C-alpha atoms as a PDB file:
ATOM      1  CA  MET A   1      19.239 -19.338  11.144  1.00  0.00           C
ATOM      2  CA  SER A   2      18.669 -15.632  10.507  1.00  0.00           C
ATOM      3  CA  ARG A   3      15.146 -14.313  10.158  1.00  0.00           C
ATOM      4  CA  ARG A   4      13.917 -13.756   6.617  1.00  0.00           C
ATOM      5  CA  LYS A   5      13.822 -10.160   5.532  1.00  0.00           C
ATOM      6  CA  ARG A   6      10.382  -8.594   5.408  1.00  0.00           C
ATOM      7  CA  ALA A   7       9.354  -5.796   3.046  1.00  0.00           C
ATOM      8  CA  LEU A   8       6.228  -3.650   2.924  1.00  0.00           C
ATOM      9  CA  ILE A   9       5.039  -2.490  -0.499  1.00  0.00           C
ATOM     10  CA  THR A  10       2.425   0.242  -0.821  1.00  0.00           C
ATOM     11  CA  GLY A  11       0.720   0.116  -4.197  1.00  0.00           C
ATOM     12  CA  ILE A  12       1.318  -3.635  -4.495  1.00  0.00           C
ATOM     13  CA  THR A  13      -1.590  -4.138  -6.928  1.00  0.00           C
ATOM     14  CA  GLY A  14      -0.050  -1.814  -9.517  1.00  0.00           C
ATOM     15  CA  GLN A  15       2.367  -2.673 -12.297  1.00  0.00           C
ATOM     16  CA  ASP A  16       5.539  -1.966 -10.302  1.00  0.00           C
ATOM     17  CA  GLY A  17       4.168  -3.344  -7.048  1.00  0.00           C
ATOM     18  CA  SER A  18       3.348  -6.697  -8.626  1.00  0.00           C
ATOM     19  CA  TYR A  19       6.766  -7.071 -10.286  1.00  0.00           C
ATOM     20  CA  LEU A  20       8.564  -5.936  -7.127  1.00  0.00           C
ATOM     21  CA  ALA A  21       6.595  -8.452  -5.050  1.00  0.00           C
ATOM     22  CA  GLU A  22       7.635 -11.240  -7.438  1.00  0.00           C
ATOM     23  CA  PHE A  23      11.250 -10.107  -7.332  1.00  0.00           C
ATOM     24  CA  LEU A  24      11.380  -9.914  -3.531  1.00  0.00           C
ATOM     25  CA  LEU A  25       9.735 -13.329  -3.147  1.00  0.00           C
ATOM     26  CA  ASP A  26      12.449 -14.720  -5.430  1.00  0.00           C
ATOM     27  CA  GLN A  27      15.045 -13.107  -3.123  1.00  0.00           C
ATOM     28  CA  GLY A  28      13.543 -14.976  -0.168  1.00  0.00           C
ATOM     29  CA  TYR A  29      11.656 -12.067   1.402  1.00  0.00           C
ATOM     30  CA  GLU A  30       8.385 -12.137   3.263  1.00  0.00           C
ATOM     31  CA  VAL A  31       6.248  -9.583   1.418  1.00  0.00           C
ATOM     32  CA  VAL A  32       3.512  -7.484   3.012  1.00  0.00           C
ATOM     33  CA  GLY A  33       1.331  -5.516   0.594  1.00  0.00           C
ATOM     34  CA  MET A  34      -0.781  -2.524   1.574  1.00  0.00           C
ATOM     35  CA  VAL A  35      -4.150  -2.104  -0.155  1.00  0.00           C
ATOM     36  CA  ARG A  36      -6.863   0.482   0.326  1.00  0.00           C
ATOM     37  CA  ARG A  37     -10.045  -1.059   1.658  1.00  0.00           C
ATOM     38  CA  THR A  38     -12.041   1.961   0.465  1.00  0.00           C
ATOM     39  CA  SER A  39     -11.207   1.426  -3.192  1.00  0.00           C
ATOM     40  CA  THR A  40     -12.322  -1.216  -5.640  1.00  0.00           C
ATOM     41  CA  VAL A  41      -9.109  -3.206  -5.560  1.00  0.00           C
ATOM     42  CA  ASN A  42      -8.153  -5.180  -8.638  1.00  0.00           C
ATOM     43  CA  PHE A  43      -5.922  -8.118  -7.734  1.00  0.00           C
ATOM     44  CA  ASP A  44      -5.340  -9.279 -11.340  1.00  0.00           C
ATOM     45  CA  ARG A  45      -1.636  -8.451 -11.349  1.00  0.00           C
ATOM     46  CA  ILE A  46      -0.863 -10.339  -8.109  1.00  0.00           C
ATOM     47  CA  GLN A  47      -3.398 -13.164  -8.360  1.00  0.00           C
ATOM     48  CA  HIS A  48      -0.706 -15.723  -9.269  1.00  0.00           C
ATOM     49  CA  ILE A  49       1.326 -14.924  -6.102  1.00  0.00           C
ATOM     50  CA  GLN A  50      -1.449 -13.843  -3.745  1.00  0.00           C
ATOM     51  CA  ASP A  51      -1.158 -16.948  -1.564  1.00  0.00           C
ATOM     52  CA  LYS A  52       2.494 -16.021  -0.870  1.00  0.00           C
ATOM     53  CA  LEU A  53       1.715 -12.447   0.194  1.00  0.00           C
ATOM     54  CA  THR A  54       0.359 -10.886   3.373  1.00  0.00           C
ATOM     55  CA  LEU A  55      -2.146  -8.205   2.336  1.00  0.00           C
ATOM     56  CA  VAL A  56      -3.089  -5.522   4.851  1.00  0.00           C
ATOM     57  CA  ALA A  57      -5.520  -2.598   4.753  1.00  0.00           C
ATOM     58  CA  GLY A  58      -4.004   0.874   4.933  1.00  0.00           C
ATOM     59  CA  ASP A  59      -4.108   4.279   3.289  1.00  0.00           C
ATOM     60  CA  LEU A  60      -1.565   7.014   2.540  1.00  0.00           C
ATOM     61  CA  MET A  61      -4.208   9.501   3.725  1.00  0.00           C
ATOM     62  CA  ASP A  62      -4.257   7.906   7.201  1.00  0.00           C
ATOM     63  CA  GLU A  63      -0.997   7.976   9.184  1.00  0.00           C
ATOM     64  CA  VAL A  64      -2.512   5.948  12.023  1.00  0.00           C
ATOM     65  CA  SER A  65      -3.064   2.996   9.673  1.00  0.00           C
ATOM     66  CA  LEU A  66       0.540   3.270   8.449  1.00  0.00           C
ATOM     67  CA  MET A  67       1.925   3.229  11.985  1.00  0.00           C
ATOM     68  CA  ALA A  68      -0.247   0.246  12.898  1.00  0.00           C
ATOM     69  CA  ILE A  69       1.050  -1.738   9.905  1.00  0.00           C
ATOM     70  CA  LEU A  70       4.682  -0.955  10.754  1.00  0.00           C
ATOM     71  CA  LYS A  71       4.168  -1.932  14.405  1.00  0.00           C
ATOM     72  CA  GLU A  72       2.431  -5.205  13.592  1.00  0.00           C
ATOM     73  CA  HIS A  73       4.581  -6.441  10.695  1.00  0.00           C
ATOM     74  CA  ARG A  74       7.976  -4.880  11.476  1.00  0.00           C
ATOM     75  CA  PRO A  75       9.395  -4.686   7.937  1.00  0.00           C
ATOM     76  CA  GLN A  76      13.081  -3.924   7.378  1.00  0.00           C
ATOM     77  CA  GLU A  77      12.303  -2.282   4.033  1.00  0.00           C
ATOM     78  CA  VAL A  78       9.386  -0.109   2.860  1.00  0.00           C
ATOM     79  CA  TYR A  79       8.760   0.613  -0.816  1.00  0.00           C
ATOM     80  CA  ASN A  80       6.323   3.476  -1.342  1.00  0.00           C
ATOM     81  CA  LEU A  81       4.864   2.879  -4.800  1.00  0.00           C
ATOM     82  CA  ALA A  82       1.306   4.008  -4.043  1.00  0.00           C
ATOM     83  CA  ALA A  83       0.203   7.300  -5.621  1.00  0.00           C
ATOM     84  CA  GLN A  84      -2.422   8.978  -7.726  1.00  0.00           C
ATOM     85  CA  SER A  85      -0.214   8.170 -10.682  1.00  0.00           C
ATOM     86  CA  PHE A  86      -2.042   9.428 -13.759  1.00  0.00           C
ATOM     87  CA  VAL A  87      -0.840  12.726 -15.185  1.00  0.00           C
ATOM     88  CA  LYS A  88      -4.119  13.356 -16.996  1.00  0.00           C
ATOM     89  CA  THR A  89      -6.191  12.710 -13.852  1.00  0.00           C
ATOM     90  CA  SER A  90      -4.018  15.106 -11.872  1.00  0.00           C
ATOM     91  CA  TRP A  91      -5.464  18.003 -13.894  1.00  0.00           C
ATOM     92  CA  THR A  92      -9.026  17.129 -12.845  1.00  0.00           C
ATOM     93  CA  GLN A  93      -8.125  16.045  -9.275  1.00  0.00           C
ATOM     94  CA  PRO A  94      -5.184  18.289  -8.313  1.00  0.00           C
ATOM     95  CA  VAL A  95      -5.946  18.483  -4.578  1.00  0.00           C
ATOM     96  CA  PHE A  96      -6.438  14.718  -4.213  1.00  0.00           C
ATOM     97  CA  THR A  97      -3.221  14.159  -6.187  1.00  0.00           C
ATOM     98  CA  GLY A  98      -1.385  16.415  -3.733  1.00  0.00           C
ATOM     99  CA  GLU A  99      -2.873  14.652  -0.697  1.00  0.00           C
ATOM    100  CA  VAL A 100      -1.817  11.184  -1.855  1.00  0.00           C
ATOM    101  CA  THR A 101       1.228  11.655  -4.072  1.00  0.00           C
ATOM    102  CA  ALA A 102       2.840  14.467  -2.033  1.00  0.00           C
ATOM    103  CA  LEU A 103       1.620  14.449   1.589  1.00  0.00           C
ATOM    104  CA  GLY A 104       1.230  10.669   1.535  1.00  0.00           C
ATOM    105  CA  VAL A 105       5.032  10.375   1.385  1.00  0.00           C
ATOM    106  CA  THR A 106       5.358  12.543   4.508  1.00  0.00           C
ATOM    107  CA  ARG A 107       2.932  10.312   6.372  1.00  0.00           C
ATOM    108  CA  VAL A 108       4.930   7.160   5.529  1.00  0.00           C
ATOM    109  CA  LEU A 109       8.239   8.799   6.462  1.00  0.00           C
ATOM    110  CA  ASP A 110       6.797  10.149   9.709  1.00  0.00           C
ATOM    111  CA  ALA A 111       5.391   6.736  10.600  1.00  0.00           C
ATOM    112  CA  ILE A 112       8.828   5.170  10.000  1.00  0.00           C
ATOM    113  CA  ARG A 113      10.507   7.894  12.084  1.00  0.00           C
ATOM    114  CA  MET A 114       8.202   7.219  15.037  1.00  0.00           C
ATOM    115  CA  VAL A 115       7.886   3.423  14.858  1.00  0.00           C
ATOM    116  CA  ASP A 116      11.305   2.223  13.634  1.00  0.00           C
ATOM    117  CA  PRO A 117      13.864   4.668  12.194  1.00  0.00           C
ATOM    118  CA  GLU A 118      16.074   1.727  11.175  1.00  0.00           C
ATOM    119  CA  ILE A 119      13.649   0.835   8.350  1.00  0.00           C
ATOM    120  CA  ARG A 120      15.071   1.395   4.863  1.00  0.00           C
ATOM    121  CA  PHE A 121      12.713   3.454   2.716  1.00  0.00           C
ATOM    122  CA  TYR A 122      12.294   3.698  -1.052  1.00  0.00           C
ATOM    123  CA  GLN A 123      10.326   6.560  -2.622  1.00  0.00           C
ATOM    124  CA  ALA A 124       9.065   6.275  -6.196  1.00  0.00           C
ATOM    125  CA  SER A 125      10.105   9.587  -7.707  1.00  0.00           C
ATOM    126  CA  SER A 126       9.391  10.310 -11.371  1.00  0.00           C
ATOM    127  CA  SER A 127      10.925  11.766 -14.508  1.00  0.00           C
ATOM    128  CA  GLU A 128       7.781  13.927 -14.698  1.00  0.00           C
ATOM    129  CA  MET A 129       9.513  16.091 -12.076  1.00  0.00           C
ATOM    130  CA  PHE A 130      11.817  17.367 -14.838  1.00  0.00           C
ATOM    131  CA  GLY A 131       8.835  18.472 -16.957  1.00  0.00           C
ATOM    132  CA  LYS A 132      10.000  21.429 -19.035  1.00  0.00           C
ATOM    133  CA  VAL A 133      13.512  20.036 -19.121  1.00  0.00           C
ATOM    134  CA  GLN A 134      16.396  22.305 -18.198  1.00  0.00           C
ATOM    135  CA  GLN A 135      19.059  20.034 -19.693  1.00  0.00           C
ATOM    136  CA  VAL A 136      19.282  16.933 -21.877  1.00  0.00           C
ATOM    137  CA  PRO A 137      19.809  14.224 -20.777  1.00  0.00           C
ATOM    138  CA  GLN A 138      18.489  14.542 -17.214  1.00  0.00           C
ATOM    139  CA  THR A 139      20.643  13.477 -14.245  1.00  0.00           C
ATOM    140  CA  GLU A 140      20.239  13.510 -10.460  1.00  0.00           C
ATOM    141  CA  ARG A 141      21.426  17.142 -10.502  1.00  0.00           C
ATOM    142  CA  THR A 142      19.074  18.474 -13.203  1.00  0.00           C
ATOM    143  CA  PRO A 143      16.730  21.196 -11.852  1.00  0.00           C
ATOM    144  CA  TYR A 144      13.049  20.259 -11.645  1.00  0.00           C
ATOM    145  CA  TYR A 145      10.386  22.097 -13.633  1.00  0.00           C
ATOM    146  CA  PRO A 146       7.189  20.013 -13.313  1.00  0.00           C
ATOM    147  CA  ARG A 147       4.421  20.603 -15.862  1.00  0.00           C
ATOM    148  CA  SER A 148       1.434  18.925 -14.181  1.00  0.00           C
ATOM    149  CA  PRO A 149      -0.092  18.682 -10.682  1.00  0.00           C
ATOM    150  CA  TYR A 150       1.250  15.102 -10.649  1.00  0.00           C
ATOM    151  CA  GLY A 151       4.777  16.297 -11.396  1.00  0.00           C
ATOM    152  CA  VAL A 152       4.532  18.995  -8.725  1.00  0.00           C
ATOM    153  CA  ALA A 153       3.339  16.437  -6.154  1.00  0.00           C
ATOM    154  CA  LYS A 154       6.214  14.107  -7.046  1.00  0.00           C
ATOM    155  CA  VAL A 155       8.705  16.946  -6.518  1.00  0.00           C
ATOM    156  CA  TYR A 156       7.318  17.439  -3.016  1.00  0.00           C
ATOM    157  CA  GLY A 157       7.522  13.688  -2.327  1.00  0.00           C
ATOM    158  CA  HIS A 158      11.109  13.648  -3.557  1.00  0.00           C
ATOM    159  CA  TRP A 159      12.291  16.609  -1.461  1.00  0.00           C
ATOM    160  CA  ILE A 160      10.500  15.506   1.705  1.00  0.00           C
ATOM    161  CA  THR A 161      12.375  12.192   1.364  1.00  0.00           C
ATOM    162  CA  VAL A 162      15.681  14.081   1.131  1.00  0.00           C
ATOM    163  CA  ASN A 163      14.592  16.265   4.058  1.00  0.00           C
ATOM    164  CA  TYR A 164      13.784  13.330   6.354  1.00  0.00           C
ATOM    165  CA  ARG A 165      17.011  11.582   5.355  1.00  0.00           C
ATOM    166  CA  GLU A 166      19.073  14.642   6.317  1.00  0.00           C
ATOM    167  CA  SER A 167      16.983  15.731   9.338  1.00  0.00           C
ATOM    168  CA  TYR A 168      16.414  12.360  11.021  1.00  0.00           C
ATOM    169  CA  ASP A 169      19.236  10.261   9.536  1.00  0.00           C
ATOM    170  CA  LEU A 170      16.767   7.856   7.920  1.00  0.00           C
ATOM    171  CA  PHE A 171      17.923   5.422   5.225  1.00  0.00           C
ATOM    172  CA  ALA A 172      15.634   7.002   2.634  1.00  0.00           C
ATOM    173  CA  CYS A 173      16.249   6.727  -1.121  1.00  0.00           C
ATOM    174  CA  SER A 174      14.448   8.087  -4.152  1.00  0.00           C
ATOM    175  CA  GLY A 175      14.473   6.371  -7.508  1.00  0.00           C
ATOM    176  CA  ILE A 176      13.893   8.944 -10.249  1.00  0.00           C
ATOM    177  CA  LEU A 177      12.362   6.445 -12.636  1.00  0.00           C
ATOM    178  CA  PHE A 178      11.722   7.283 -16.249  1.00  0.00           C
ATOM    179  CA  ASN A 179       8.764   5.690 -18.044  1.00  0.00           C
ATOM    180  CA  HIS A 180       8.692   1.935 -17.704  1.00  0.00           C
ATOM    181  CA  GLU A 181       6.140  -0.340 -19.278  1.00  0.00           C
ATOM    182  CA  SER A 182       5.018  -3.967 -19.487  1.00  0.00           C
ATOM    183  CA  PRO A 183       1.960  -6.088 -20.315  1.00  0.00           C
ATOM    184  CA  ARG A 184       0.706  -5.143 -16.806  1.00  0.00           C
ATOM    185  CA  ARG A 185       0.639  -1.410 -17.591  1.00  0.00           C
ATOM    186  CA  GLY A 186      -2.757   0.253 -17.138  1.00  0.00           C
ATOM    187  CA  LEU A 187      -4.739   1.043 -20.298  1.00  0.00           C
ATOM    188  CA  GLU A 188      -4.628   4.723 -19.342  1.00  0.00           C
ATOM    189  CA  PHE A 189      -0.974   4.888 -20.365  1.00  0.00           C
ATOM    190  CA  VAL A 190      -0.127   5.568 -23.997  1.00  0.00           C
ATOM    191  CA  THR A 191       2.069   2.490 -24.512  1.00  0.00           C
ATOM    192  CA  HIS A 192      -0.666   0.074 -23.491  1.00  0.00           C
ATOM    193  CA  LYS A 193      -3.338   2.130 -25.216  1.00  0.00           C
ATOM    194  CA  VAL A 194      -1.371   1.694 -28.448  1.00  0.00           C
ATOM    195  CA  THR A 195      -0.538  -2.015 -28.088  1.00  0.00           C
ATOM    196  CA  TYR A 196      -4.113  -2.850 -27.040  1.00  0.00           C
ATOM    197  CA  HIS A 197      -5.569  -1.025 -30.053  1.00  0.00           C
ATOM    198  CA  VAL A 198      -3.039  -2.691 -32.353  1.00  0.00           C
ATOM    199  CA  ALA A 199      -4.234  -6.075 -31.099  1.00  0.00           C
ATOM    200  CA  LYS A 200      -7.902  -5.074 -31.526  1.00  0.00           C
ATOM    201  CA  ILE A 201      -7.301  -3.748 -35.047  1.00  0.00           C
ATOM    202  CA  LYS A 202      -5.334  -6.873 -35.999  1.00  0.00           C
ATOM    203  CA  LEU A 203      -8.238  -9.039 -34.802  1.00  0.00           C
ATOM    204  CA  GLY A 204     -10.851  -6.888 -36.569  1.00  0.00           C
ATOM    205  CA  LEU A 205     -12.298  -5.546 -33.294  1.00  0.00           C
ATOM    206  CA  ALA A 206     -11.444  -1.889 -34.010  1.00  0.00           C
ATOM    207  CA  ASP A 207     -10.434   0.206 -36.995  1.00  0.00           C
ATOM    208  CA  ARG A 208      -8.925   3.445 -35.620  1.00  0.00           C
ATOM    209  CA  LEU A 209      -6.671   4.666 -32.809  1.00  0.00           C
ATOM    210  CA  PRO A 210      -7.048   8.216 -31.382  1.00  0.00           C
ATOM    211  CA  LEU A 211      -3.891   9.708 -29.847  1.00  0.00           C
ATOM    212  CA  GLY A 212      -2.608  13.043 -28.577  1.00  0.00           C
ATOM    213  CA  ASN A 213       0.842  14.518 -29.275  1.00  0.00           C
ATOM    214  CA  LEU A 214       2.665  12.155 -31.651  1.00  0.00           C
ATOM    215  CA  GLU A 215       5.914  14.096 -31.304  1.00  0.00           C
ATOM    216  CA  ALA A 216       6.200  13.742 -27.494  1.00  0.00           C
ATOM    217  CA  GLN A 217       9.325  11.745 -26.701  1.00  0.00           C
ATOM    218  CA  ARG A 218       9.942   9.474 -23.747  1.00  0.00           C
ATOM    219  CA  ASP A 219      12.657   7.250 -22.356  1.00  0.00           C
ATOM    220  CA  TRP A 220      10.731   3.963 -22.118  1.00  0.00           C
ATOM    221  CA  GLY A 221      12.140   0.960 -20.257  1.00  0.00           C
ATOM    222  CA  TYR A 222      10.885  -2.423 -19.043  1.00  0.00           C
ATOM    223  CA  ALA A 223       9.227  -2.444 -15.601  1.00  0.00           C
ATOM    224  CA  PRO A 224      10.863  -5.637 -14.195  1.00  0.00           C
ATOM    225  CA  ASP A 225      14.276  -4.087 -14.896  1.00  0.00           C
ATOM    226  CA  TYR A 226      13.281  -0.983 -12.944  1.00  0.00           C
ATOM    227  CA  VAL A 227      11.986  -2.723  -9.811  1.00  0.00           C
ATOM    228  CA  ARG A 228      15.359  -4.476  -9.578  1.00  0.00           C
ATOM    229  CA  ALA A 229      16.944  -1.017  -9.342  1.00  0.00           C
ATOM    230  CA  MET A 230      14.615  -0.133  -6.432  1.00  0.00           C
ATOM    231  CA  TRP A 231      15.854  -3.117  -4.461  1.00  0.00           C
ATOM    232  CA  LEU A 232      19.510  -2.444  -5.284  1.00  0.00           C
ATOM    233  CA  MET A 233      19.229   1.072  -3.815  1.00  0.00           C
ATOM    234  CA  LEU A 234      18.187  -0.297  -0.431  1.00  0.00           C
ATOM    235  CA  GLN A 235      21.109  -2.766  -0.350  1.00  0.00           C
ATOM    236  CA  GLU A 236      23.741  -0.006  -0.476  1.00  0.00           C
ATOM    237  CA  ASP A 237      25.784   1.164   2.532  1.00  0.00           C
ATOM    238  CA  HIS A 238      24.468   4.716   2.287  1.00  0.00           C
ATOM    239  CA  PRO A 239      21.120   6.125   1.069  1.00  0.00           C
ATOM    240  CA  ASP A 240      21.090   8.211  -2.098  1.00  0.00           C
ATOM    241  CA  ASP A 241      18.947   9.171  -5.096  1.00  0.00           C
ATOM    242  CA  TYR A 242      19.303   7.595  -8.538  1.00  0.00           C
ATOM    243  CA  VAL A 243      18.013   8.205 -12.041  1.00  0.00           C
ATOM    244  CA  VAL A 244      16.827   4.932 -13.597  1.00  0.00           C
ATOM    245  CA  ALA A 245      16.473   5.120 -17.382  1.00  0.00           C
ATOM    246  CA  THR A 246      17.602   3.542 -20.646  1.00  0.00           C
ATOM    247  CA  GLY A 247      19.235   6.690 -22.036  1.00  0.00           C
ATOM    248  CA  GLU A 248      17.316   6.225 -25.303  1.00  0.00           C
ATOM    249  CA  THR A 249      14.336   8.290 -26.385  1.00  0.00           C
ATOM    250  CA  HIS A 250      11.439   7.347 -28.664  1.00  0.00           C
ATOM    251  CA  SER A 251       8.508   9.386 -29.914  1.00  0.00           C
ATOM    252  CA  VAL A 252       4.878   8.310 -29.729  1.00  0.00           C
ATOM    253  CA  ARG A 253       5.113   8.138 -33.537  1.00  0.00           C
ATOM    254  CA  ARG A 254       7.942   5.582 -33.229  1.00  0.00           C
ATOM    255  CA  LEU A 255       5.904   3.656 -30.640  1.00  0.00           C
ATOM    256  CA  CYS A 256       3.121   3.372 -33.227  1.00  0.00           C
ATOM    257  CA  GLU A 257       5.547   2.266 -35.940  1.00  0.00           C
ATOM    258  CA  VAL A 258       6.971  -0.536 -33.778  1.00  0.00           C
ATOM    259  CA  ALA A 259       3.614  -1.719 -32.408  1.00  0.00           C
ATOM    260  CA  PHE A 260       1.756  -1.786 -35.728  1.00  0.00           C
ATOM    261  CA  GLY A 261       4.822  -3.101 -37.530  1.00  0.00           C
ATOM    262  CA  SER A 262       5.010  -6.082 -35.160  1.00  0.00           C
ATOM    263  CA  VAL A 263       1.729  -7.362 -36.660  1.00  0.00           C
ATOM    264  CA  GLY A 264       2.482  -6.317 -40.234  1.00  0.00           C
ATOM    265  CA  LEU A 265       0.350  -3.143 -40.337  1.00  0.00           C
ATOM    266  CA  ASN A 266       1.121   0.457 -41.330  1.00  0.00           C
ATOM    267  CA  TRP A 267       0.337   2.739 -38.388  1.00  0.00           C
ATOM    268  CA  GLU A 268      -0.539   5.718 -40.602  1.00  0.00           C
ATOM    269  CA  ASP A 269      -3.593   3.851 -41.887  1.00  0.00           C
ATOM    270  CA  TYR A 270      -5.143   3.769 -38.396  1.00  0.00           C
ATOM    271  CA  VAL A 271      -3.835   6.554 -36.127  1.00  0.00           C
ATOM    272  CA  TYR A 272      -5.359  10.035 -35.906  1.00  0.00           C
ATOM    273  CA  VAL A 273      -4.753  12.965 -33.540  1.00  0.00           C
ATOM    274  CA  ASN A 274      -7.615  13.577 -31.122  1.00  0.00           C
ATOM    275  CA  PRO A 275      -7.543  17.120 -29.611  1.00  0.00           C
ATOM    276  CA  ASP A 276      -9.150  15.773 -26.401  1.00  0.00           C
ATOM    277  CA  ASP A 277      -6.009  13.702 -25.795  1.00  0.00           C
ATOM    278  CA  LEU A 278      -3.681  16.724 -25.794  1.00  0.00           C
ATOM    279  CA  ARG A 279      -2.498  17.927 -22.359  1.00  0.00           C
ATOM    280  CA  PRO A 280      -2.839  21.548 -21.149  1.00  0.00           C
ATOM    281  CA  ALA A 281       0.966  21.629 -20.739  1.00  0.00           C
ATOM    282  CA  GLU A 282       3.044  19.037 -22.537  1.00  0.00           C
ATOM    283  CA  VAL A 283       6.355  17.491 -21.575  1.00  0.00           C
ATOM    284  CA  ASP A 284       8.264  17.211 -24.829  1.00  0.00           C
ATOM    285  CA  LEU A 285      11.574  15.440 -24.288  1.00  0.00           C
ATOM    286  CA  LEU A 286      12.467  13.224 -21.349  1.00  0.00           C
ATOM    287  CA  VAL A 287      15.632  11.138 -21.554  1.00  0.00           C
ATOM    288  CA  GLY A 288      17.595   9.997 -18.532  1.00  0.00           C
ATOM    289  CA  ASP A 289      21.268   9.517 -17.802  1.00  0.00           C
ATOM    290  CA  ALA A 290      21.520   6.500 -15.492  1.00  0.00           C
ATOM    291  CA  SER A 291      25.331   6.547 -15.295  1.00  0.00           C
ATOM    292  CA  LYS A 292      25.266   6.785 -11.499  1.00  0.00           C
ATOM    293  CA  ALA A 293      22.956   3.752 -11.145  1.00  0.00           C
ATOM    294  CA  ARG A 294      25.108   1.785 -13.590  1.00  0.00           C
ATOM    295  CA  ARG A 295      28.301   2.755 -11.783  1.00  0.00           C
ATOM    296  CA  GLU A 296      27.236   2.492  -8.130  1.00  0.00           C
ATOM    297  CA  LEU A 297      24.452  -0.116  -8.237  1.00  0.00           C
ATOM    298  CA  GLY A 298      25.720  -2.223 -11.140  1.00  0.00           C
ATOM    299  CA  TRP A 299      22.314  -1.799 -12.754  1.00  0.00           C
ATOM    300  CA  ALA A 300      21.582  -2.019 -16.479  1.00  0.00           C
ATOM    301  CA  PRO A 301      18.418  -2.617 -18.540  1.00  0.00           C
ATOM    302  CA  THR A 302      18.053  -6.060 -20.124  1.00  0.00           C
ATOM    303  CA  VAL A 303      15.085  -5.593 -22.512  1.00  0.00           C
ATOM    304  CA  THR A 304      15.049  -3.250 -25.539  1.00  0.00           C
ATOM    305  CA  PHE A 305      12.223  -0.873 -26.409  1.00  0.00           C
ATOM    306  CA  GLU A 306      11.317  -2.924 -29.477  1.00  0.00           C
ATOM    307  CA  GLN A 307      11.303  -6.212 -27.532  1.00  0.00           C
ATOM    308  CA  MET A 308       9.096  -4.708 -24.840  1.00  0.00           C
ATOM    309  CA  ILE A 309       6.501  -3.297 -27.262  1.00  0.00           C
ATOM    310  CA  GLN A 310       6.357  -6.600 -29.137  1.00  0.00           C
ATOM    311  CA  MET A 311       5.872  -8.406 -25.815  1.00  0.00           C
ATOM    312  CA  MET A 312       2.977  -6.079 -24.952  1.00  0.00           C
ATOM    313  CA  VAL A 313       1.277  -6.522 -28.338  1.00  0.00           C
ATOM    314  CA  GLU A 314       1.555 -10.313 -28.032  1.00  0.00           C
ATOM    315  CA  ALA A 315       0.101 -10.245 -24.511  1.00  0.00           C
ATOM    316  CA  ASP A 316      -2.847  -8.123 -25.696  1.00  0.00           C
ATOM    317  CA  LEU A 317      -3.453 -10.418 -28.671  1.00  0.00           C
ATOM    318  CA  GLU A 318      -3.489 -13.430 -26.351  1.00  0.00           C
ATOM    319  CA  ALA A 319      -5.823 -11.686 -23.884  1.00  0.00           C
ATOM    320  CA  LEU A 320      -8.288 -10.682 -26.606  1.00  0.00           C
ATOM    321  CA  ARG A 321      -8.196 -14.085 -28.276  1.00  0.00           C
ATOM    322  CA  SER A 322      -9.030 -15.803 -25.003  1.00  0.00           C
ATOM    323  CA  GLN A 323     -11.749 -13.197 -24.301  1.00  0.00           C
ATOM    324  CA  ARG A 324      -9.966 -12.048 -21.190  1.00  0.00           C
ATOM    325  CA  GLN A 325      -9.777  -8.342 -20.535  1.00  0.00           C
ATOM    326  CA  PRO A 326      -6.237  -6.937 -20.468  1.00  0.00           C
ATOM    327  CA  MET A 327      -4.785  -5.486 -17.298  1.00  0.00           C
ATOM    328  CA  ARG A 328      -6.596  -2.470 -15.964  1.00  0.00           C
ATOM    329  CA  LEU A 329      -6.080  -0.494 -12.801  1.00  0.00           C
END
């Protein structure tokens, strides 16, 4: 009987890490999750599967810890989902964002190169790399023009992955994922900020919702669909980079309409623009063309924008009604 596949996930306690861990367990994998011992780790998202996981201490800032994990656990696949992943925070912590989100990728790739170059590697690239978009929709060949320290760091992480693939013949892929949401999304992100406030307003626990740019448009998909695409990339014969997106764009205004409408409220009665929530440089229109992923990976989204937002509102209503706090970091 062949040995079960083993995968290492950095950032396993995040939204994507938790869904990917579930998915890989369902595929029969042994799953090793890397967590930072120095941080206040919140295990909420993986609590229901924690007894099936092997959790290990490591840090993208410390290559020695990464090499030790690879030597001890010998994974066949590594999914690098860990990052300083908040665009807003990247303006106040630009150097830290670069250390983790950019150089952290180099440390993982270098550890793989030295310990076991046969490991298949997935890098979480981001649509924020496109920033001030040079063409609509965005494909794998669209030039990057990042508009935040986070976006700049992700561009570095993306190109160093390409560089190690071509220089050392590593099986290294990047998924250029557009925004993807779920009830496990952090409250720092606008989708969950909106659905959480809708639930609070519906239950009489709040009466207003401050937001930034209502006209900003995003291509929002459902996180479990997107982690499936990550896995599909590492099952191919050859490594490559793929845009993962729905191909549909929605404004923050439309997000408010759907979320408030799902509980029978008019969003205009509650939402106001707060200047403090506006970014120094805004990304106005991100919409991805995932034709390559559809064609080569056989991937397609299964949940609509409206279904996803309704799901998130319902989860927040349930959490507030049962006096549980919704998912945080």
